[in-house]
Amino acid sequence: LIDTFLESSFFHQYYTKISLKNTRKPLITSDNP
């Protein structure tokens, strides 16, 4: 819980350029997405 709050705060301040992308081939995901 606490690590998530701190990571989110860090994320909010530095990773500020957001974009939505479409792919040409289907994506997979994982147990570590």
All heavy atoms as atom14 arrays in JSON, in Angstrom:
{
  "sequence": "LIDTFLESSFFHQYYTKISLKNTRKPLITSDNP",
  "atom14_mask": [
    [1, 1, 1, 1, 1, 1, 1, 1, 0, 0, 0, 0, 0, 0],
    [1, 1, 1, 1, 1, 1, 1, 1, 0, 0, 0, 0, 0, 0],
    [1, 1, 1, 1, 1, 1, 1, 1, 0, 0, 0, 0, 0, 0],
    [1, 1, 1, 1, 1, 1, 1, 0, 0, 0, 0, 0, 0, 0],
    [1, 1, 1, 1, 1, 1, 1, 1, 1, 1, 1, 0, 0, 0],
    [1, 1, 1, 1, 1, 1, 1, 1, 0, 0, 0, 0, 0, 0],
    [1, 1, 1, 1, 1, 1, 1, 1, 1, 0, 0, 0, 0, 0],
    [1, 1, 1, 1, 1, 1, 0, 0, 0, 0, 0, 0, 0, 0],
    [1, 1, 1, 1, 1, 1, 0, 0, 0, 0, 0, 0, 0, 0],
    [1, 1, 1, 1, 1, 1, 1, 1, 1, 1, 1, 0, 0, 0],
    [1, 1, 1, 1, 1, 1, 1, 1, 1, 1, 1, 0, 0, 0],
    [1, 1, 1, 1, 1, 1, 1, 1, 1, 1, 0, 0, 0, 0],
    [1, 1, 1, 1, 1, 1, 1, 1, 1, 0, 0, 0, 0, 0],
    [1, 1, 1, 1, 1, 1, 1, 1, 1, 1, 1, 1, 0, 0],
    [1, 1, 1, 1, 1, 1, 1, 1, 1, 1, 1, 1, 0, 0],
    [1, 1, 1, 1, 1, 1, 1, 0, 0, 0, 0, 0, 0, 0],
    [1, 1, 1, 1, 1, 1, 1, 1, 1, 0, 0, 0, 0, 0],
    [1, 1, 1, 1, 1, 1, 1, 1, 0, 0, 0, 0, 0, 0],
    [1, 1, 1, 1, 1, 1, 0, 0, 0, 0, 0, 0, 0, 0],
    [1, 1, 1, 1, 1, 1, 1, 1, 0, 0, 0, 0, 0, 0],
    [1, 1, 1, 1, 1, 1, 1, 1, 1, 0, 0, 0, 0, 0],
    [1, 1, 1, 1, 1, 1, 1, 1, 0, 0, 0, 0, 0, 0],
    [1, 1, 1, 1, 1, 1, 1, 0, 0, 0, 0, 0, 0, 0],
    [1, 1, 1, 1, 1, 1, 1, 1, 1, 1, 1, 0, 0, 0],
    [1, 1, 1, 1, 1, 1, 1, 1, 1, 0, 0, 0, 0, 0],
    [1, 1, 1, 1, 1, 1, 1, 0, 0, 0, 0, 0, 0, 0],
    [1, 1, 1, 1, 1, 1, 1, 1, 0, 0, 0, 0, 0, 0],
    [1, 1, 1, 1, 1, 1, 1, 1, 0, 0, 0, 0, 0, 0],
    [1, 1, 1, 1, 1, 1, 1, 0, 0, 0, 0, 0, 0, 0],
    [1, 1, 1, 1, 1, 1, 0, 0, 0, 0, 0, 0, 0, 0],
    [1, 1, 1, 1, 1, 1, 1, 1, 0, 0, 0, 0, 0, 0],
    [1, 1, 1, 1, 1, 1, 1, 1, 0, 0, 0, 0, 0, 0],
    [1, 1, 1, 1, 1, 1, 1, 0, 0, 0, 0, 0, 0, 0]
  ],
  "atom14_positions": [
    [[0.82, -1.21, 0.0], [0.0, 0.0, 0.0], [0.86, 1.26, 0.0], [0.67, 2.15, -0.84], [-0.92, -0.01, 1.22], [-1.86, 1.18, 1.33], [-2.93, 1.12, 0.24], [-2.52, 1.24, 2.71], [0.0, 0.0, 0.0], [0.0, 0.0, 0.0], [0.0, 0.0, 0.0], [0.0, 0.0, 0.0], [0.0, 0.0, 0.0], [0.0, 0.0, 0.0]],
    [[1.8, 1.34, 0.92], [2.59, 2.57, 1.05], [3.51, 2.76, -0.15], [3.67, 3.87, -0.66], [3.4, 2.56, 2.36], [2.45, 2.39, 3.56], [4.19, 3.84, 2.5], [3.17, 2.18, 4.88], [0.0, 0.0, 0.0], [0.0, 0.0, 0.0], [0.0, 0.0, 0.0], [0.0, 0.0, 0.0], [0.0, 0.0, 0.0], [0.0, 0.0, 0.0]],
    [[4.13, 1.67, -0.6], [5.01, 1.76, -1.75], [4.24, 2.26, -2.97], [4.75, 3.06, -3.77], [5.62, 0.39, -2.04], [6.72, 0.47, -3.09], [7.87, 0.75, -2.74], [6.4, 0.27, -4.28], [0.0, 0.0, 0.0], [0.0, 0.0, 0.0], [0.0, 0.0, 0.0], [0.0, 0.0, 0.0], [0.0, 0.0, 0.0], [0.0, 0.0, 0.0]],
    [[3.0, 1.82, -3.11], [2.17, 2.26, -4.24], [1.91, 3.75, -4.17], [1.98, 4.46, -5.18], [0.84, 1.5, -4.26], [1.11, 0.11, -4.45], [-0.04, 1.99, -5.39], [0.0, 0.0, 0.0], [0.0, 0.0, 0.0], [0.0, 0.0, 0.0], [0.0, 0.0, 0.0], [0.0, 0.0, 0.0], [0.0, 0.0, 0.0], [0.0, 0.0, 0.0]],
    [[1.58, 4.25, -2.99], [1.34, 5.69, -2.85], [2.58, 6.5, -3.24], [2.48, 7.53, -3.92], [0.95, 6.03, -1.41], [-0.42, 5.54, -1.01], [-0.68, 5.18, 0.3], [-1.44, 5.43, -1.93], [-1.94, 4.73, 0.69], [-2.7, 4.99, -1.56], [-2.96, 4.64, -0.25], [0.0, 0.0, 0.0], [0.0, 0.0, 0.0], [0.0, 0.0, 0.0]],
    [[3.74, 6.04, -2.81], [4.96, 6.77, -3.1], [5.33, 6.67, -4.58], [5.75, 7.66, -5.19], [6.11, 6.24, -2.23], [5.95, 6.47, -0.72], [7.15, 5.9, 0.02], [5.8, 7.96, -0.41], [0.0, 0.0, 0.0], [0.0, 0.0, 0.0], [0.0, 0.0, 0.0], [0.0, 0.0, 0.0], [0.0, 0.0, 0.0], [0.0, 0.0, 0.0]],
    [[5.2, 5.47, -5.16], [5.48, 5.3, -6.58], [4.53, 6.17, -7.42], [4.93, 6.78, -8.41], [5.33, 3.83, -6.98], [6.38, 2.9, -6.43], [7.73, 3.07, -7.1], [7.87, 3.93, -7.99], [8.66, 2.33, -6.73], [0.0, 0.0, 0.0], [0.0, 0.0, 0.0], [0.0, 0.0, 0.0], [0.0, 0.0, 0.0], [0.0, 0.0, 0.0]],
    [[3.27, 6.21, -7.01], [2.29, 7.0, -7.74], [2.63, 8.49, -7.68], [2.49, 9.21, -8.68], [0.89, 6.76, -7.15], [-0.07, 7.53, -7.81], [0.0, 0.0, 0.0], [0.0, 0.0, 0.0], [0.0, 0.0, 0.0], [0.0, 0.0, 0.0], [0.0, 0.0, 0.0], [0.0, 0.0, 0.0], [0.0, 0.0, 0.0], [0.0, 0.0, 0.0]],
    [[3.09, 8.95, -6.53], [3.49, 10.35, -6.39], [4.67, 10.67, -7.3], [4.7, 11.71, -7.99], [3.85, 10.65, -4.93], [4.3, 11.97, -4.78], [0.0, 0.0, 0.0], [0.0, 0.0, 0.0], [0.0, 0.0, 0.0], [0.0, 0.0, 0.0], [0.0, 0.0, 0.0], [0.0, 0.0, 0.0], [0.0, 0.0, 0.0], [0.0, 0.0, 0.0]],
    [[5.65, 9.76, -7.34], [6.81, 9.93, -8.21], [6.39, 9.92, -9.68], [6.8, 10.77, -10.48], [7.8, 8.79, -7.94], [9.01, 8.81, -8.81], [10.06, 9.67, -8.56], [9.12, 7.95, -9.9], [11.19, 9.69, -9.37], [10.23, 7.95, -10.72], [11.26, 8.83, -10.45], [0.0, 0.0, 0.0], [0.0, 0.0, 0.0], [0.0, 0.0, 0.0]],
    [[5.55, 8.97, -10.01], [5.01, 8.82, -11.36], [4.3, 10.1, -11.79], [4.5, 10.6, -12.9], [4.06, 7.63, -11.31], [3.45, 7.2, -12.62], [3.86, 7.73, -13.83], [2.46, 6.23, -12.63], [3.29, 7.32, -15.02], [1.89, 5.81, -13.81], [2.3, 6.36, -15.01], [0.0, 0.0, 0.0], [0.0, 0.0, 0.0], [0.0, 0.0, 0.0]],
    [[3.48, 10.65, -10.91], [2.66, 11.82, -11.22], [3.51, 13.04, -11.56], [3.11, 13.89, -12.36], [1.73, 12.13, -10.04], [0.82, 13.3, -10.27], [-0.19, 13.27, -11.22], [0.76, 14.52, -9.7], [-0.83, 14.42, -11.2], [-0.28, 15.2, -10.3], [0.0, 0.0, 0.0], [0.0, 0.0, 0.0], [0.0, 0.0, 0.0], [0.0, 0.0, 0.0]],
    [[4.66, 13.13, -10.97], [5.49, 14.31, -11.16], [6.44, 14.22, -12.34], [6.83, 15.25, -12.89], [6.29, 14.58, -9.88], [5.41, 14.97, -8.72], [6.23, 15.23, -7.48], [6.83, 16.28, -7.34], [6.25, 14.28, -6.57], [0.0, 0.0, 0.0], [0.0, 0.0, 0.0], [0.0, 0.0, 0.0], [0.0, 0.0, 0.0], [0.0, 0.0, 0.0]],
    [[6.82, 13.02, -12.73], [7.85, 12.89, -13.75], [7.36, 12.32, -15.08], [7.83, 12.72, -16.14], [9.0, 12.04, -13.22], [9.73, 12.71, -12.09], [9.47, 12.4, -10.76], [10.69, 13.7, -12.35], [10.13, 13.04, -9.72], [11.36, 14.35, -11.32], [11.07, 14.01, -10.01], [11.72, 14.65, -8.99], [0.0, 0.0, 0.0], [0.0, 0.0, 0.0]],
    [[6.41, 11.38, -15.04], [5.93, 10.76, -16.28], [4.64, 11.46, -16.69], [3.54, 10.95, -16.51], [5.73, 9.27, -16.09], [7.01, 8.54, -15.79], [7.51, 8.44, -14.49], [7.76, 7.96, -16.81], [8.7, 7.78, -14.22], [8.96, 7.31, -16.55], [9.41, 7.22, -15.25], [10.6, 6.56, -14.99], [0.0, 0.0, 0.0], [0.0, 0.0, 0.0]],
    [[4.78, 12.63, -17.28], [3.64, 13.53, -17.47], [3.1, 13.55, -18.9], [2.03, 14.1, -19.15], [4.03, 14.96, -17.08], [5.19, 15.34, -17.8], [4.31, 15.04, -15.58], [0.0, 0.0, 0.0], [0.0, 0.0, 0.0], [0.0, 0.0, 0.0], [0.0, 0.0, 0.0], [0.0, 0.0, 0.0], [0.0, 0.0, 0.0], [0.0, 0.0, 0.0]],
    [[3.83, 13.01, -19.86], [3.38, 12.98, -21.25], [2.63, 11.66, -21.48], [3.23, 10.6, -21.51], [4.56, 13.1, -22.21], [5.25, 14.44, -22.16], [6.51, 14.45, -23.01], [6.2, 14.23, -24.47], [7.43, 14.29, -25.31], [0.0, 0.0, 0.0], [0.0, 0.0, 0.0], [0.0, 0.0, 0.0], [0.0, 0.0, 0.0], [0.0, 0.0, 0.0]],
    [[1.32, 11.74, -21.64], [0.51, 10.53, -21.78], [-0.02, 10.42, -23.2], [-0.42, 11.41, -23.81], [-0.66, 10.54, -20.77], [-1.55, 9.3, -20.98], [-1.49, 11.8, -20.88], [-2.64, 9.17, -19.94], [0.0, 0.0, 0.0], [0.0, 0.0, 0.0], [0.0, 0.0, 0.0], [0.0, 0.0, 0.0], [0.0, 0.0, 0.0], [0.0, 0.0, 0.0]],
    [[0.01, 9.2, -23.74], [-0.55, 8.98, -25.07], [-1.16, 7.59, -25.14], [-0.74, 6.67, -24.42], [0.53, 9.14, -26.15], [1.62, 8.27, -25.91], [0.0, 0.0, 0.0], [0.0, 0.0, 0.0], [0.0, 0.0, 0.0], [0.0, 0.0, 0.0], [0.0, 0.0, 0.0], [0.0, 0.0, 0.0], [0.0, 0.0, 0.0], [0.0, 0.0, 0.0]],
    [[-2.16, 7.45, -25.97], [-2.83, 6.17, -26.22], [-2.39, 5.69, -27.59], [-2.47, 6.43, -28.57], [-4.34, 6.34, -26.18], [-5.18, 5.13, -26.58], [-5.01, 3.99, -25.58], [-6.65, 5.52, -26.7], [0.0, 0.0, 0.0], [0.0, 0.0, 0.0], [0.0, 0.0, 0.0], [0.0, 0.0, 0.0], [0.0, 0.0, 0.0], [0.0, 0.0, 0.0]],
    [[-1.92, 4.46, -27.68], [-1.41, 3.92, -28.93], [-2.21, 2.69, -29.36], [-2.58, 1.86, -28.53], [0.06, 3.52, -28.77], [0.99, 4.67, -28.41], [1.18, 5.63, -29.56], [2.21, 6.7, -29.24], [2.43, 7.63, -30.36], [0.0, 0.0, 0.0], [0.0, 0.0, 0.0], [0.0, 0.0, 0.0], [0.0, 0.0, 0.0], [0.0, 0.0, 0.0]],
    [[-2.44, 2.59, -30.66], [-3.01, 1.39, -31.25], [-1.89, 0.56, -31.87], [-0.87, 1.12, -32.3], [-4.03, 1.75, -32.34], [-5.22, 2.49, -31.77], [-5.77, 2.11, -30.74], [-5.62, 3.57, -32.44], [0.0, 0.0, 0.0], [0.0, 0.0, 0.0], [0.0, 0.0, 0.0], [0.0, 0.0, 0.0], [0.0, 0.0, 0.0], [0.0, 0.0, 0.0]],
    [[-2.06, -0.76, -31.91], [-1.03, -1.61, -32.45], [-1.48, -2.29, -33.74], [-2.68, -2.44, -33.99], [-0.64, -2.71, -31.43], [-1.79, -3.5, -31.13], [-0.09, -2.1, -30.17], [0.0, 0.0, 0.0], [0.0, 0.0, 0.0], [0.0, 0.0, 0.0], [0.0, 0.0, 0.0], [0.0, 0.0, 0.0], [0.0, 0.0, 0.0], [0.0, 0.0, 0.0]],
    [[-0.51, -2.7, -34.54], [-0.81, -3.41, -35.78], [-0.98, -4.9, -35.53], [-1.68, -5.59, -36.26], [0.32, -3.18, -36.79], [0.48, -1.74, -37.24], [1.85, -1.5, -37.83], [2.89, -1.66, -36.8], [4.19, -1.71, -37.07], [4.61, -1.62, -38.32], [5.07, -1.85, -36.11], [0.0, 0.0, 0.0], [0.0, 0.0, 0.0], [0.0, 0.0, 0.0]],
    [[-0.3, -5.39, -34.52], [-0.38, -6.81, -34.16], [-0.86, -6.9, -32.71], [-0.61, -6.0, -31.91], [0.99, -7.48, -34.29], [1.53, -7.46, -35.71], [2.93, -8.09, -35.76], [3.49, -8.03, -37.18], [4.87, -8.6, -37.24], [0.0, 0.0, 0.0], [0.0, 0.0, 0.0], [0.0, 0.0, 0.0], [0.0, 0.0, 0.0], [0.0, 0.0, 0.0]],
    [[-1.55, -7.98, -32.36], [-2.11, -8.07, -31.0], [-1.04, -8.13, -29.92], [0.0, -8.74, -30.08], [-2.94, -9.36, -31.04], [-2.38, -10.14, -32.19], [-1.93, -9.14, -33.19], [0.0, 0.0, 0.0], [0.0, 0.0, 0.0], [0.0, 0.0, 0.0], [0.0, 0.0, 0.0], [0.0, 0.0, 0.0], [0.0, 0.0, 0.0], [0.0, 0.0, 0.0]],
    [[-1.33, -7.46, -28.81], [-0.43, -7.44, -27.66], [-0.71, -8.61, -26.73], [-1.85, -9.05, -26.59], [-0.62, -6.14, -26.88], [-0.27, -4.83, -27.59], [-0.7, -3.65, -26.73], [1.22, -4.76, -27.88], [0.0, 0.0, 0.0], [0.0, 0.0, 0.0], [0.0, 0.0, 0.0], [0.0, 0.0, 0.0], [0.0, 0.0, 0.0], [0.0, 0.0, 0.0]],
    [[0.33, -9.07, -26.08], [0.19, -10.0, -24.97], [0.48, -9.22, -23.69], [0.97, -8.1, -23.72], [1.14, -11.21, -25.09], [2.61, -10.74, -25.0], [0.88, -11.97, -26.38], [3.61, -11.89, -24.95], [0.0, 0.0, 0.0], [0.0, 0.0, 0.0], [0.0, 0.0, 0.0], [0.0, 0.0, 0.0], [0.0, 0.0, 0.0], [0.0, 0.0, 0.0]],
    [[0.16, -9.82, -22.55], [0.56, -9.23, -21.27], [1.04, -10.37, -20.38], [1.21, -11.5, -20.86], [-0.58, -8.41, -20.64], [-0.07, -7.7, -19.5], [-1.76, -9.27, -20.24], [0.0, 0.0, 0.0], [0.0, 0.0, 0.0], [0.0, 0.0, 0.0], [0.0, 0.0, 0.0], [0.0, 0.0, 0.0], [0.0, 0.0, 0.0], [0.0, 0.0, 0.0]],
    [[1.28, -10.1, -19.11], [1.93, -11.11, -18.28], [1.57, -10.95, -16.82], [0.78, -10.09, -16.44], [3.45, -11.01, -18.44], [3.94, -9.83, -17.81], [0.0, 0.0, 0.0], [0.0, 0.0, 0.0], [0.0, 0.0, 0.0], [0.0, 0.0, 0.0], [0.0, 0.0, 0.0], [0.0, 0.0, 0.0], [0.0, 0.0, 0.0], [0.0, 0.0, 0.0]],
    [[2.19, -11.79, -15.99], [2.0, -11.68, -14.54], [2.81, -10.52, -13.97], [2.82, -10.29, -12.76], [2.36, -13.0, -13.85], [3.74, -13.52, -14.23], [4.55, -12.75, -14.79], [4.01, -14.72, -13.99], [0.0, 0.0, 0.0], [0.0, 0.0, 0.0], [0.0, 0.0, 0.0], [0.0, 0.0, 0.0], [0.0, 0.0, 0.0], [0.0, 0.0, 0.0]],
    [[3.49, -9.78, -14.83], [4.25, -8.57, -14.45], [3.99, -7.53, -15.55], [4.86, -7.25, -16.36], [5.73, -8.9, -14.34], [6.55, -7.75, -13.79], [6.02, -6.75, -13.33], [7.87, -7.88, -13.88], [0.0, 0.0, 0.0], [0.0, 0.0, 0.0], [0.0, 0.0, 0.0], [0.0, 0.0, 0.0], [0.0, 0.0, 0.0], [0.0, 0.0, 0.0]],
    [[2.77, -6.98, -15.61], [2.29, -6.29, -16.83], [2.86, -4.92, -17.13], [2.84, -4.49, -18.28], [0.79, -6.2, -16.6], [0.61, -6.21, -15.12], [1.7, -7.08, -14.59], [0.0, 0.0, 0.0], [0.0, 0.0, 0.0], [0.0, 0.0, 0.0], [0.0, 0.0, 0.0], [0.0, 0.0, 0.0], [0.0, 0.0, 0.0], [0.0, 0.0, 0.0]]
  ]
}
